[in-house]
Amino acid sequence: MNPTTDRAKSAPPNLPNEASREPQQGRSKASYERMLAAAEKLMVKRGSEDFTLTEVSKTGKVSIGSIYLRFDSKDDLISAVHARVIVRIEHEQDLMLEELAALDTLDVYVGRFIERYAEVLRVFAPILRPIMFRAINDTAISRTGQASAERLIGQVRQQMLRFSGEFGRPDGIRMIDNAFRIIYYTLARHLGLGSSPEAANEGNWSELKEDLAIMTVAFLRAKG
């Protein structure tokens, strides 16, 4: 399998968003995409949602009127950005899992999963930081993010149960779910995601991934 080729063949789908009025074709769609791209660019640059719709207008080269034609408020625009980011992340995660599906040993699978998942989080970290900060007080964004996380956990659980014969205990689902959470929280902390951004970049990234793989495999094989 060639992930690069697959990525070129399979573009992420559009995710409907009730907060926006997304056009389907022509110049209106191009203008809409520039609005979302501009808002995302400003969120990454500021590390927060501290931007104005006037700045979106200037950055995306779209009129204020056209923004309000598509979105009732800045909050709706941010929600649409979040929806698009989730689509892109899930697309990359699906490609990752396609690649991992052929791996046939626990050690290789865990090491490769951590390497690939860490890269997905690293690439999206700049936009995930402001989105996750907003999710603290935005229940809709929080629910969407949680649903996406549960989707990935379910997919990883399904793949890793193939190696349950190598586990040290019979409660494989519990072990996989807890291993995933340990992996996520460790990588997210290093990348400054969540409630402890001051902890970002602590330690060596490559060594962290290697040691995390060793510890995860040891945990899964440990006898109860």
N, C-alpha and C. Protein backbone atom coordinates (compact mmCIF):
# COMPACT_ATOMS: atom_id res chain seq x y z
N MET A 1 0.85 -1.21 0.00
CA MET A 1 0.00 0.00 0.00
C MET A 1 0.87 1.25 0.00
N ASN A 2 0.50 2.21 -0.84
CA ASN A 2 1.24 3.47 -0.91
C ASN A 2 0.36 4.58 -0.36
N PRO A 3 0.61 5.01 0.90
CA PRO A 3 -0.25 6.03 1.50
C PRO A 3 -0.32 7.32 0.72
N THR A 4 0.80 7.70 0.07
CA THR A 4 0.81 8.94 -0.70
C THR A 4 -0.14 8.85 -1.89
N THR A 5 -0.09 7.69 -2.57
CA THR A 5 -0.98 7.49 -3.70
C THR A 5 -2.43 7.46 -3.25
N ASP A 6 -2.69 6.74 -2.14
CA ASP A 6 -4.05 6.67 -1.63
C ASP A 6 -4.57 8.05 -1.27
N ARG A 7 -3.71 8.88 -0.69
CA ARG A 7 -4.13 10.21 -0.27
C ARG A 7 -4.53 11.04 -1.49
N ALA A 8 -3.78 10.87 -2.58
CA ALA A 8 -4.08 11.62 -3.79
C ALA A 8 -5.40 11.16 -4.41
N LYS A 9 -5.69 9.84 -4.29
CA LYS A 9 -6.91 9.31 -4.89
C LYS A 9 -8.14 9.62 -4.07
N SER A 10 -7.98 9.72 -2.75
CA SER A 10 -9.15 9.81 -1.87
C SER A 10 -9.17 11.11 -1.12
N ALA A 11 -9.94 12.08 -1.60
CA ALA A 11 -10.05 13.36 -0.92
C ALA A 11 -11.07 13.25 0.20
N PRO A 12 -10.86 13.98 1.30
CA PRO A 12 -11.81 13.91 2.40
C PRO A 12 -13.16 14.45 2.00
N PRO A 13 -14.23 13.85 2.49
CA PRO A 13 -15.57 14.31 2.12
C PRO A 13 -15.92 15.61 2.82
N ASN A 14 -16.93 16.30 2.30
CA ASN A 14 -17.43 17.49 2.98
C ASN A 14 -18.33 17.07 4.13
N LEU A 15 -18.24 17.76 5.23
CA LEU A 15 -19.07 17.47 6.38
C LEU A 15 -20.14 18.55 6.49
N PRO A 16 -21.40 18.20 6.40
CA PRO A 16 -22.46 19.21 6.50
C PRO A 16 -22.39 19.91 7.84
N ASN A 17 -22.69 21.18 7.83
CA ASN A 17 -22.64 21.96 9.06
C ASN A 17 -23.87 22.85 9.11
N GLU A 18 -24.74 22.62 10.11
CA GLU A 18 -25.99 23.36 10.17
C GLU A 18 -25.78 24.84 10.43
N ALA A 19 -24.62 25.22 10.98
CA ALA A 19 -24.39 26.61 11.32
C ALA A 19 -24.05 27.45 10.09
N SER A 20 -23.76 26.80 8.96
CA SER A 20 -23.37 27.54 7.77
C SER A 20 -24.33 27.23 6.63
N ARG A 21 -24.28 28.08 5.60
CA ARG A 21 -25.06 27.86 4.40
C ARG A 21 -24.07 27.68 3.26
N GLU A 22 -23.63 26.44 3.11
CA GLU A 22 -22.53 26.16 2.19
C GLU A 22 -23.01 26.06 0.75
N PRO A 23 -22.45 26.87 -0.14
CA PRO A 23 -22.80 26.76 -1.56
C PRO A 23 -22.19 25.50 -2.16
N GLN A 24 -22.72 25.04 -3.25
CA GLN A 24 -22.29 23.77 -3.81
C GLN A 24 -21.38 23.90 -5.03
N GLN A 25 -21.31 25.08 -5.64
CA GLN A 25 -20.50 25.17 -6.85
C GLN A 25 -20.14 26.60 -7.18
N GLY A 26 -19.23 26.73 -8.13
CA GLY A 26 -18.89 28.02 -8.70
C GLY A 26 -18.11 28.94 -7.78
N ARG A 27 -18.17 30.23 -8.12
CA ARG A 27 -17.41 31.23 -7.38
C ARG A 27 -17.86 31.35 -5.93
N SER A 28 -19.14 31.09 -5.69
CA SER A 28 -19.63 31.17 -4.31
C SER A 28 -18.97 30.13 -3.43
N LYS A 29 -18.77 28.94 -3.96
CA LYS A 29 -18.10 27.88 -3.19
C LYS A 29 -16.64 28.24 -2.95
N ALA A 30 -15.98 28.80 -3.96
CA ALA A 30 -14.58 29.20 -3.81
C ALA A 30 -14.46 30.29 -2.74
N SER A 31 -15.40 31.23 -2.74
CA SER A 31 -15.41 32.29 -1.73
C SER A 31 -15.62 31.71 -0.34
N TYR A 32 -16.53 30.74 -0.24
CA TYR A 32 -16.81 30.08 1.04
C TYR A 32 -15.56 29.38 1.57
N GLU A 33 -14.87 28.69 0.69
CA GLU A 33 -13.65 27.99 1.10
C GLU A 33 -12.59 28.97 1.58
N ARG A 34 -12.52 30.14 0.95
CA ARG A 34 -11.54 31.15 1.39
C ARG A 34 -11.90 31.67 2.77
N MET A 35 -13.19 31.79 3.07
CA MET A 35 -13.59 32.22 4.42
C MET A 35 -13.08 31.24 5.47
N LEU A 36 -13.31 29.95 5.23
CA LEU A 36 -12.89 28.93 6.18
C LEU A 36 -11.37 28.88 6.30
N ALA A 37 -10.69 28.96 5.16
CA ALA A 37 -9.24 28.91 5.18
C ALA A 37 -8.66 30.12 5.91
N ALA A 38 -9.26 31.27 5.70
CA ALA A 38 -8.79 32.49 6.36
C ALA A 38 -8.99 32.42 7.87
N ALA A 39 -10.16 31.96 8.28
CA ALA A 39 -10.44 31.84 9.72
C ALA A 39 -9.49 30.84 10.36
N GLU A 40 -9.26 29.72 9.69
CA GLU A 40 -8.32 28.73 10.23
C GLU A 40 -6.91 29.30 10.33
N LYS A 41 -6.49 30.01 9.30
CA LYS A 41 -5.16 30.62 9.30
C LYS A 41 -5.00 31.59 10.47
N LEU A 42 -6.02 32.37 10.73
CA LEU A 42 -5.96 33.33 11.84
C LEU A 42 -5.95 32.62 13.18
N MET A 43 -6.71 31.53 13.31
CA MET A 43 -6.72 30.76 14.55
C MET A 43 -5.34 30.15 14.82
N VAL A 44 -4.71 29.63 13.79
CA VAL A 44 -3.37 29.07 13.94
C VAL A 44 -2.36 30.16 14.31
N LYS A 45 -2.45 31.28 13.63
CA LYS A 45 -1.51 32.38 13.87
C LYS A 45 -1.63 32.93 15.29
N ARG A 46 -2.88 33.09 15.77
CA ARG A 46 -3.10 33.68 17.10
C ARG A 46 -3.04 32.62 18.21
N GLY A 47 -3.25 31.38 17.83
CA GLY A 47 -3.34 30.34 18.84
C GLY A 47 -4.63 30.42 19.63
N SER A 48 -5.62 31.11 19.09
CA SER A 48 -6.89 31.31 19.77
C SER A 48 -7.91 31.76 18.74
N GLU A 49 -9.11 32.10 19.22
CA GLU A 49 -10.15 32.63 18.34
C GLU A 49 -10.19 34.15 18.41
N ASP A 50 -9.08 34.74 18.80
CA ASP A 50 -9.00 36.19 18.96
C ASP A 50 -8.76 36.86 17.60
N PHE A 51 -9.80 36.86 16.77
CA PHE A 51 -9.73 37.54 15.48
C PHE A 51 -11.11 38.10 15.19
N THR A 52 -11.19 38.98 14.23
CA THR A 52 -12.47 39.59 13.87
C THR A 52 -12.88 39.13 12.47
N LEU A 53 -14.15 39.29 12.17
CA LEU A 53 -14.62 38.95 10.84
C LEU A 53 -14.05 39.90 9.79
N THR A 54 -13.71 41.11 10.20
CA THR A 54 -13.03 42.04 9.29
C THR A 54 -11.68 41.46 8.88
N GLU A 55 -10.98 40.85 9.83
CA GLU A 55 -9.69 40.23 9.50
C GLU A 55 -9.89 39.02 8.59
N VAL A 56 -10.95 38.27 8.80
CA VAL A 56 -11.26 37.15 7.91
C VAL A 56 -11.53 37.67 6.50
N SER A 57 -12.25 38.78 6.42
CA SER A 57 -12.56 39.40 5.14
C SER A 57 -11.29 39.79 4.39
N LYS A 58 -10.37 40.42 5.09
CA LYS A 58 -9.12 40.87 4.46
C LYS A 58 -8.22 39.69 4.10
N THR A 59 -8.09 38.73 5.04
CA THR A 59 -7.21 37.60 4.80
C THR A 59 -7.71 36.71 3.67
N GLY A 60 -9.03 36.50 3.61
CA GLY A 60 -9.61 35.62 2.60
C GLY A 60 -10.02 36.31 1.33
N LYS A 61 -9.88 37.66 1.32
CA LYS A 61 -10.27 38.44 0.14
C LYS A 61 -11.74 38.19 -0.21
N VAL A 62 -12.56 38.30 0.82
CA VAL A 62 -14.01 38.17 0.66
C VAL A 62 -14.66 39.34 1.39
N SER A 63 -15.84 39.70 0.97
CA SER A 63 -16.51 40.83 1.60
C SER A 63 -17.18 40.42 2.92
N ILE A 64 -17.35 41.39 3.80
CA ILE A 64 -18.07 41.14 5.04
C ILE A 64 -19.49 40.66 4.75
N GLY A 65 -20.10 41.26 3.73
CA GLY A 65 -21.45 40.86 3.37
C GLY A 65 -21.54 39.40 2.97
N SER A 66 -20.55 38.93 2.24
CA SER A 66 -20.57 37.52 1.81
C SER A 66 -20.36 36.58 2.99
N ILE A 67 -19.60 37.03 4.00
CA ILE A 67 -19.42 36.21 5.20
C ILE A 67 -20.75 36.06 5.93
N TYR A 68 -21.47 37.19 6.10
CA TYR A 68 -22.75 37.13 6.80
C TYR A 68 -23.84 36.43 5.97
N LEU A 69 -23.60 36.33 4.68
CA LEU A 69 -24.52 35.57 3.83
C LEU A 69 -24.43 34.08 4.15
N ARG A 70 -23.24 33.65 4.57
CA ARG A 70 -23.00 32.23 4.83
C ARG A 70 -23.04 31.87 6.31
N PHE A 71 -22.75 32.83 7.18
CA PHE A 71 -22.67 32.55 8.61
C PHE A 71 -23.42 33.62 9.39
N ASP A 72 -24.15 33.19 10.40
CA ASP A 72 -24.89 34.14 11.22
C ASP A 72 -23.99 34.87 12.21
N SER A 73 -22.83 34.28 12.51
CA SER A 73 -21.96 34.88 13.52
C SER A 73 -20.55 34.31 13.39
N LYS A 74 -19.63 34.91 14.11
CA LYS A 74 -18.27 34.39 14.18
C LYS A 74 -18.26 32.99 14.78
N ASP A 75 -19.10 32.76 15.78
CA ASP A 75 -19.18 31.43 16.39
C ASP A 75 -19.55 30.37 15.36
N ASP A 76 -20.47 30.69 14.47
CA ASP A 76 -20.86 29.74 13.43
C ASP A 76 -19.71 29.47 12.47
N LEU A 77 -18.94 30.50 12.17
CA LEU A 77 -17.77 30.33 11.31
C LEU A 77 -16.76 29.40 11.97
N ILE A 78 -16.51 29.60 13.26
CA ILE A 78 -15.57 28.75 13.98
C ILE A 78 -16.06 27.30 14.01
N SER A 79 -17.35 27.11 14.19
CA SER A 79 -17.92 25.76 14.18
C SER A 79 -17.71 25.09 12.83
N ALA A 80 -17.85 25.85 11.76
CA ALA A 80 -17.63 25.30 10.42
C ALA A 80 -16.16 24.93 10.21
N VAL A 81 -15.26 25.76 10.71
CA VAL A 81 -13.83 25.45 10.64
C VAL A 81 -13.56 24.14 11.38
N HIS A 82 -14.11 24.03 12.58
CA HIS A 82 -13.91 22.82 13.37
C HIS A 82 -14.42 21.59 12.63
N ALA A 83 -15.59 21.69 12.01
CA ALA A 83 -16.14 20.56 11.27
C ALA A 83 -15.20 20.12 10.15
N ARG A 84 -14.64 21.09 9.43
CA ARG A 84 -13.72 20.76 8.35
C ARG A 84 -12.43 20.13 8.88
N VAL A 85 -11.94 20.62 10.00
CA VAL A 85 -10.72 20.07 10.59
C VAL A 85 -10.97 18.61 11.00
N ILE A 86 -12.11 18.34 11.61
CA ILE A 86 -12.44 16.97 12.00
C ILE A 86 -12.46 16.05 10.79
N VAL A 87 -13.05 16.50 9.69
CA VAL A 87 -13.08 15.70 8.46
C VAL A 87 -11.66 15.37 8.01
N ARG A 88 -10.78 16.37 8.00
CA ARG A 88 -9.41 16.14 7.54
C ARG A 88 -8.66 15.20 8.47
N ILE A 89 -8.84 15.36 9.77
CA ILE A 89 -8.17 14.48 10.72
C ILE A 89 -8.65 13.05 10.55
N GLU A 90 -9.95 12.86 10.45
CA GLU A 90 -10.48 11.50 10.30
C GLU A 90 -10.03 10.87 8.99
N HIS A 91 -9.91 11.66 7.97
CA HIS A 91 -9.40 11.16 6.69
C HIS A 91 -7.97 10.65 6.85
N GLU A 92 -7.12 11.42 7.51
CA GLU A 92 -5.73 11.00 7.72
C GLU A 92 -5.66 9.77 8.62
N GLN A 93 -6.53 9.71 9.62
CA GLN A 93 -6.55 8.55 10.51
C GLN A 93 -7.00 7.30 9.76
N ASP A 94 -7.95 7.45 8.86
CA ASP A 94 -8.41 6.30 8.07
C ASP A 94 -7.29 5.78 7.18
N LEU A 95 -6.53 6.68 6.57
CA LEU A 95 -5.39 6.26 5.76
C LEU A 95 -4.36 5.55 6.63
N MET A 96 -4.14 6.07 7.82
CA MET A 96 -3.21 5.46 8.76
C MET A 96 -3.63 4.03 9.08
N LEU A 97 -4.91 3.84 9.37
CA LEU A 97 -5.39 2.52 9.76
C LEU A 97 -5.37 1.54 8.59
N GLU A 98 -5.58 2.04 7.38
CA GLU A 98 -5.45 1.18 6.20
C GLU A 98 -4.03 0.64 6.10
N GLU A 99 -3.08 1.50 6.37
CA GLU A 99 -1.67 1.09 6.31
C GLU A 99 -1.35 0.08 7.41
N LEU A 100 -1.91 0.28 8.60
CA LEU A 100 -1.58 -0.58 9.73
C LEU A 100 -2.27 -1.93 9.67
N ALA A 101 -3.31 -2.04 8.88
CA ALA A 101 -4.12 -3.27 8.85
C ALA A 101 -3.31 -4.50 8.46
N ALA A 102 -2.25 -4.33 7.69
CA ALA A 102 -1.48 -5.47 7.20
C ALA A 102 -0.42 -5.94 8.19
N LEU A 103 -0.17 -5.17 9.25
CA LEU A 103 0.87 -5.54 10.21
C LEU A 103 0.42 -6.73 11.05
N ASP A 104 1.35 -7.67 11.30
CA ASP A 104 0.91 -8.93 11.88
C ASP A 104 1.54 -9.30 13.22
N THR A 105 2.25 -8.38 13.87
CA THR A 105 2.74 -8.64 15.21
C THR A 105 2.45 -7.45 16.11
N LEU A 106 2.27 -7.70 17.38
CA LEU A 106 1.93 -6.65 18.33
C LEU A 106 3.01 -5.58 18.40
N ASP A 107 4.26 -6.00 18.49
CA ASP A 107 5.36 -5.03 18.61
C ASP A 107 5.41 -4.08 17.42
N VAL A 108 5.31 -4.62 16.22
CA VAL A 108 5.39 -3.80 15.02
C VAL A 108 4.18 -2.89 14.92
N TYR A 109 3.01 -3.45 15.22
CA TYR A 109 1.79 -2.65 15.13
C TYR A 109 1.83 -1.47 16.08
N VAL A 110 2.14 -1.71 17.34
CA VAL A 110 2.15 -0.63 18.33
C VAL A 110 3.16 0.44 17.96
N GLY A 111 4.36 0.03 17.58
CA GLY A 111 5.39 0.99 17.21
C GLY A 111 4.98 1.85 16.03
N ARG A 112 4.40 1.20 15.02
CA ARG A 112 4.00 1.94 13.83
C ARG A 112 2.79 2.81 14.11
N PHE A 113 1.84 2.31 14.91
CA PHE A 113 0.68 3.12 15.25
C PHE A 113 1.09 4.40 15.97
N ILE A 114 1.95 4.28 16.94
CA ILE A 114 2.39 5.45 17.69
C ILE A 114 3.11 6.44 16.77
N GLU A 115 3.95 5.94 15.89
CA GLU A 115 4.67 6.81 14.96
C GLU A 115 3.71 7.57 14.05
N ARG A 116 2.74 6.85 13.49
CA ARG A 116 1.82 7.48 12.54
C ARG A 116 0.82 8.40 13.25
N TYR A 117 0.30 7.95 14.38
CA TYR A 117 -0.68 8.76 15.11
C TYR A 117 -0.02 10.02 15.65
N ALA A 118 1.20 9.89 16.11
CA ALA A 118 1.93 11.06 16.60
C ALA A 118 2.10 12.09 15.49
N GLU A 119 2.32 11.62 14.27
CA GLU A 119 2.50 12.54 13.15
C GLU A 119 1.19 13.25 12.81
N VAL A 120 0.08 12.52 12.87
CA VAL A 120 -1.22 13.16 12.63
C VAL A 120 -1.46 14.26 13.65
N LEU A 121 -1.22 13.96 14.92
CA LEU A 121 -1.43 14.96 15.96
C LEU A 121 -0.47 16.14 15.80
N ARG A 122 0.77 15.85 15.42
CA ARG A 122 1.75 16.93 15.25
C ARG A 122 1.35 17.88 14.13
N VAL A 123 0.91 17.32 13.02
CA VAL A 123 0.52 18.14 11.86
C VAL A 123 -0.68 19.02 12.20
N PHE A 124 -1.63 18.48 12.93
CA PHE A 124 -2.86 19.23 13.22
C PHE A 124 -2.80 20.00 14.53
N ALA A 125 -1.72 19.86 15.28
CA ALA A 125 -1.62 20.52 16.59
C ALA A 125 -1.86 22.03 16.52
N PRO A 126 -1.33 22.76 15.53
CA PRO A 126 -1.53 24.21 15.52
C PRO A 126 -3.00 24.64 15.49
N ILE A 127 -3.85 23.89 14.80
CA ILE A 127 -5.27 24.25 14.78
C ILE A 127 -6.03 23.55 15.90
N LEU A 128 -5.55 22.40 16.36
CA LEU A 128 -6.22 21.72 17.45
C LEU A 128 -6.10 22.50 18.76
N ARG A 129 -5.00 23.21 18.96
CA ARG A 129 -4.82 23.95 20.23
C ARG A 129 -5.95 24.95 20.46
N PRO A 130 -6.20 25.88 19.52
CA PRO A 130 -7.30 26.82 19.77
C PRO A 130 -8.67 26.16 19.80
N ILE A 131 -8.86 25.10 19.01
CA ILE A 131 -10.15 24.42 19.00
C ILE A 131 -10.39 23.73 20.35
N MET A 132 -9.38 23.07 20.89
CA MET A 132 -9.54 22.37 22.15
C MET A 132 -9.73 23.36 23.30
N PHE A 133 -9.09 24.51 23.20
CA PHE A 133 -9.29 25.53 24.22
C PHE A 133 -10.74 26.01 24.20
N ARG A 134 -11.27 26.19 23.00
CA ARG A 134 -12.67 26.63 22.88
C ARG A 134 -13.62 25.55 23.39
N ALA A 135 -13.26 24.29 23.18
CA ALA A 135 -14.14 23.19 23.56
C ALA A 135 -14.41 23.14 25.06
N ILE A 136 -13.56 23.78 25.85
CA ILE A 136 -13.76 23.81 27.30
C ILE A 136 -15.13 24.41 27.63
N ASN A 137 -15.54 25.42 26.86
CA ASN A 137 -16.80 26.11 27.12
C ASN A 137 -17.83 25.97 26.01
N ASP A 138 -17.50 25.22 24.98
CA ASP A 138 -18.40 25.03 23.84
C ASP A 138 -18.80 23.56 23.79
N THR A 139 -19.99 23.26 24.26
CA THR A 139 -20.40 21.86 24.37
C THR A 139 -20.56 21.18 23.02
N ALA A 140 -20.97 21.93 22.01
CA ALA A 140 -21.15 21.33 20.68
C ALA A 140 -19.81 20.88 20.12
N ILE A 141 -18.80 21.74 20.20
CA ILE A 141 -17.47 21.37 19.72
C ILE A 141 -16.90 20.25 20.56
N SER A 142 -17.12 20.30 21.87
CA SER A 142 -16.64 19.24 22.75
C SER A 142 -17.25 17.89 22.37
N ARG A 143 -18.54 17.86 22.12
CA ARG A 143 -19.22 16.61 21.76
C ARG A 143 -18.72 16.07 20.43
N THR A 144 -18.52 16.97 19.46
CA THR A 144 -18.02 16.53 18.15
C THR A 144 -16.63 15.94 18.27
N GLY A 145 -15.77 16.61 19.03
CA GLY A 145 -14.42 16.10 19.24
C GLY A 145 -14.41 14.76 19.94
N GLN A 146 -15.26 14.61 20.95
CA GLN A 146 -15.35 13.35 21.68
C GLN A 146 -15.85 12.23 20.79
N ALA A 147 -16.83 12.53 19.95
CA ALA A 147 -17.35 11.51 19.04
C ALA A 147 -16.28 11.05 18.06
N SER A 148 -15.47 11.99 17.58
CA SER A 148 -14.38 11.63 16.67
C SER A 148 -13.35 10.77 17.37
N ALA A 149 -13.04 11.10 18.62
CA ALA A 149 -12.08 10.32 19.39
C ALA A 149 -12.60 8.90 19.63
N GLU A 150 -13.88 8.78 19.96
CA GLU A 150 -14.46 7.46 20.19
C GLU A 150 -14.48 6.64 18.90
N ARG A 151 -14.66 7.31 17.79
CA ARG A 151 -14.61 6.63 16.49
C ARG A 151 -13.25 5.99 16.29
N LEU A 152 -12.18 6.75 16.56
CA LEU A 152 -10.83 6.22 16.39
C LEU A 152 -10.56 5.10 17.38
N ILE A 153 -10.96 5.27 18.64
CA ILE A 153 -10.74 4.22 19.63
C ILE A 153 -11.39 2.92 19.17
N GLY A 154 -12.61 3.01 18.63
CA GLY A 154 -13.28 1.81 18.15
C GLY A 154 -12.53 1.13 17.02
N GLN A 155 -11.98 1.93 16.10
CA GLN A 155 -11.24 1.36 14.98
C GLN A 155 -9.94 0.71 15.46
N VAL A 156 -9.24 1.37 16.36
CA VAL A 156 -7.99 0.82 16.89
C VAL A 156 -8.27 -0.45 17.68
N ARG A 157 -9.35 -0.44 18.47
CA ARG A 157 -9.73 -1.62 19.25
C ARG A 157 -9.94 -2.82 18.33
N GLN A 158 -10.65 -2.59 17.24
CA GLN A 158 -10.93 -3.67 16.30
C GLN A 158 -9.64 -4.24 15.72
N GLN A 159 -8.69 -3.37 15.37
CA GLN A 159 -7.44 -3.86 14.80
C GLN A 159 -6.58 -4.57 15.83
N MET A 160 -6.49 -4.03 17.02
CA MET A 160 -5.57 -4.58 18.02
C MET A 160 -6.06 -5.87 18.65
N LEU A 161 -7.37 -6.11 18.60
CA LEU A 161 -7.88 -7.37 19.13
C LEU A 161 -7.34 -8.57 18.37
N ARG A 162 -6.79 -8.33 17.18
CA ARG A 162 -6.15 -9.42 16.44
C ARG A 162 -4.97 -10.00 17.21
N PHE A 163 -4.39 -9.18 18.09
CA PHE A 163 -3.20 -9.61 18.82
C PHE A 163 -3.51 -10.01 20.26
N SER A 164 -4.79 -10.23 20.56
CA SER A 164 -5.17 -10.51 21.95
C SER A 164 -4.52 -11.77 22.48
N GLY A 165 -4.10 -12.66 21.60
CA GLY A 165 -3.39 -13.86 22.04
C GLY A 165 -2.05 -13.55 22.67
N GLU A 166 -1.52 -12.37 22.39
CA GLU A 166 -0.24 -11.95 22.97
C GLU A 166 -0.43 -11.16 24.27
N PHE A 167 -1.68 -10.85 24.62
CA PHE A 167 -1.94 -10.06 25.82
C PHE A 167 -1.73 -10.91 27.07
N GLY A 168 -1.35 -10.25 28.14
CA GLY A 168 -1.10 -10.98 29.38
C GLY A 168 -2.35 -11.25 30.19
N ARG A 169 -3.47 -10.57 29.85
CA ARG A 169 -4.73 -10.74 30.58
C ARG A 169 -5.87 -10.90 29.60
N PRO A 170 -6.99 -11.44 30.04
CA PRO A 170 -8.09 -11.72 29.12
C PRO A 170 -8.96 -10.50 28.79
N ASP A 171 -8.89 -9.44 29.59
CA ASP A 171 -9.75 -8.27 29.36
C ASP A 171 -9.14 -7.35 28.31
N GLY A 172 -9.12 -7.84 27.07
CA GLY A 172 -8.42 -7.15 25.99
C GLY A 172 -8.96 -5.77 25.66
N ILE A 173 -10.28 -5.62 25.64
CA ILE A 173 -10.86 -4.32 25.29
C ILE A 173 -10.46 -3.26 26.30
N ARG A 174 -10.56 -3.59 27.57
CA ARG A 174 -10.15 -2.64 28.61
C ARG A 174 -8.68 -2.25 28.45
N MET A 175 -7.83 -3.23 28.17
CA MET A 175 -6.40 -2.96 28.03
C MET A 175 -6.11 -2.07 26.82
N ILE A 176 -6.77 -2.36 25.71
CA ILE A 176 -6.56 -1.56 24.50
C ILE A 176 -7.03 -0.13 24.72
N ASP A 177 -8.21 0.03 25.30
CA ASP A 177 -8.75 1.37 25.53
C ASP A 177 -7.83 2.18 26.44
N ASN A 178 -7.35 1.57 27.51
CA ASN A 178 -6.46 2.30 28.42
C ASN A 178 -5.10 2.58 27.78
N ALA A 179 -4.61 1.63 26.97
CA ALA A 179 -3.35 1.87 26.26
C ALA A 179 -3.49 3.05 25.31
N PHE A 180 -4.63 3.10 24.59
CA PHE A 180 -4.86 4.21 23.67
C PHE A 180 -4.86 5.54 24.42
N ARG A 181 -5.55 5.58 25.54
CA ARG A 181 -5.63 6.83 26.30
C ARG A 181 -4.25 7.26 26.80
N ILE A 182 -3.45 6.31 27.24
CA ILE A 182 -2.09 6.64 27.68
C ILE A 182 -1.28 7.21 26.53
N ILE A 183 -1.40 6.58 25.35
CA ILE A 183 -0.69 7.06 24.17
C ILE A 183 -1.13 8.48 23.83
N TYR A 184 -2.45 8.68 23.76
CA TYR A 184 -2.96 9.99 23.39
C TYR A 184 -2.53 11.07 24.37
N TYR A 185 -2.75 10.85 25.66
CA TYR A 185 -2.43 11.87 26.65
C TYR A 185 -0.95 12.20 26.68
N THR A 186 -0.11 11.20 26.46
CA THR A 186 1.33 11.44 26.45
C THR A 186 1.74 12.30 25.25
N LEU A 187 1.25 11.93 24.07
CA LEU A 187 1.58 12.69 22.87
C LEU A 187 0.97 14.10 22.92
N ALA A 188 -0.28 14.18 23.37
CA ALA A 188 -0.96 15.48 23.42
C ALA A 188 -0.27 16.42 24.38
N ARG A 189 0.19 15.91 25.50
CA ARG A 189 0.89 16.77 26.48
C ARG A 189 2.16 17.34 25.86
N HIS A 190 2.90 16.50 25.16
CA HIS A 190 4.14 16.98 24.53
C HIS A 190 3.85 18.05 23.49
N LEU A 191 2.74 17.92 22.79
CA LEU A 191 2.38 18.87 21.73
C LEU A 191 1.65 20.10 22.24
N GLY A 192 1.40 20.14 23.55
CA GLY A 192 0.75 21.31 24.12
C GLY A 192 -0.74 21.37 23.86
N LEU A 193 -1.36 20.21 23.70
CA LEU A 193 -2.81 20.15 23.49
C LEU A 193 -3.50 19.99 24.83
N GLY A 194 -4.66 20.59 24.98
CA GLY A 194 -5.40 20.42 26.21
C GLY A 194 -5.10 21.49 27.24
N SER A 195 -5.17 21.09 28.51
CA SER A 195 -5.15 22.07 29.61
C SER A 195 -3.75 22.39 30.13
N SER A 196 -2.70 21.78 29.56
CA SER A 196 -1.34 22.03 30.07
C SER A 196 -0.39 22.44 28.94
N PRO A 197 -0.69 23.55 28.24
CA PRO A 197 0.17 23.95 27.12
C PRO A 197 1.60 24.28 27.55
N GLU A 198 1.79 24.62 28.82
CA GLU A 198 3.14 24.95 29.29
C GLU A 198 4.06 23.73 29.29
N ALA A 199 3.48 22.53 29.20
CA ALA A 199 4.28 21.30 29.21
C ALA A 199 4.76 20.91 27.81
N ALA A 200 4.44 21.69 26.81
CA ALA A 200 4.79 21.35 25.43
C ALA A 200 6.29 21.23 25.25
N ASN A 201 6.67 20.26 24.42
CA ASN A 201 8.06 20.05 24.00
C ASN A 201 8.98 19.60 25.12
N GLU A 202 8.42 19.07 26.19
CA GLU A 202 9.28 18.51 27.23
C GLU A 202 9.87 17.19 26.76
N GLY A 203 11.18 17.03 26.87
CA GLY A 203 11.83 15.80 26.46
C GLY A 203 12.07 15.72 24.97
N ASN A 204 12.62 14.59 24.55
CA ASN A 204 12.97 14.35 23.15
C ASN A 204 11.81 13.64 22.46
N TRP A 205 11.31 14.21 21.38
CA TRP A 205 10.13 13.68 20.68
C TRP A 205 10.35 12.26 20.18
N SER A 206 11.47 12.02 19.53
CA SER A 206 11.75 10.68 18.99
C SER A 206 11.88 9.65 20.10
N GLU A 207 12.61 10.01 21.14
CA GLU A 207 12.76 9.08 22.27
C GLU A 207 11.44 8.84 22.97
N LEU A 208 10.62 9.87 23.07
CA LEU A 208 9.32 9.72 23.70
C LEU A 208 8.48 8.68 22.96
N LYS A 209 8.46 8.75 21.64
CA LYS A 209 7.67 7.80 20.86
C LYS A 209 8.21 6.38 21.00
N GLU A 210 9.52 6.24 20.97
CA GLU A 210 10.13 4.91 21.11
C GLU A 210 9.82 4.31 22.47
N ASP A 211 10.01 5.09 23.52
CA ASP A 211 9.77 4.59 24.87
C ASP A 211 8.29 4.32 25.11
N LEU A 212 7.43 5.13 24.53
CA LEU A 212 6.00 4.93 24.66
C LEU A 212 5.58 3.60 24.03
N ALA A 213 6.17 3.26 22.89
CA ALA A 213 5.88 1.98 22.25
C ALA A 213 6.32 0.81 23.13
N ILE A 214 7.53 0.92 23.71
CA ILE A 214 8.04 -0.15 24.58
C ILE A 214 7.12 -0.33 25.80
N MET A 215 6.74 0.79 26.41
CA MET A 215 5.89 0.73 27.60
C MET A 215 4.51 0.19 27.28
N THR A 216 3.96 0.56 26.12
CA THR A 216 2.63 0.10 25.73
C THR A 216 2.61 -1.41 25.52
N VAL A 217 3.60 -1.93 24.80
CA VAL A 217 3.68 -3.37 24.57
C VAL A 217 3.86 -4.11 25.90
N ALA A 218 4.71 -3.57 26.77
CA ALA A 218 4.93 -4.18 28.07
C ALA A 218 3.63 -4.23 28.88
N PHE A 219 2.87 -3.14 28.83
CA PHE A 219 1.59 -3.10 29.53
C PHE A 219 0.63 -4.14 29.01
N LEU A 220 0.52 -4.25 27.69
CA LEU A 220 -0.41 -5.22 27.09
C LEU A 220 -0.01 -6.66 27.38
N ARG A 221 1.27 -6.92 27.52
CA ARG A 221 1.73 -8.30 27.77
C ARG A 221 1.84 -8.63 29.26
N ALA A 222 1.68 -7.63 30.11
CA ALA A 222 1.86 -7.86 31.55
C ALA A 222 0.80 -8.82 32.08
N LYS A 223 1.23 -9.71 32.97
CA LYS A 223 0.32 -10.66 33.60
C LYS A 223 -0.41 -9.97 34.75
N GLY A 224 -1.69 -10.28 34.91
CA GLY A 224 -2.47 -9.68 35.97
C GLY A 224 -2.27 -10.37 37.31
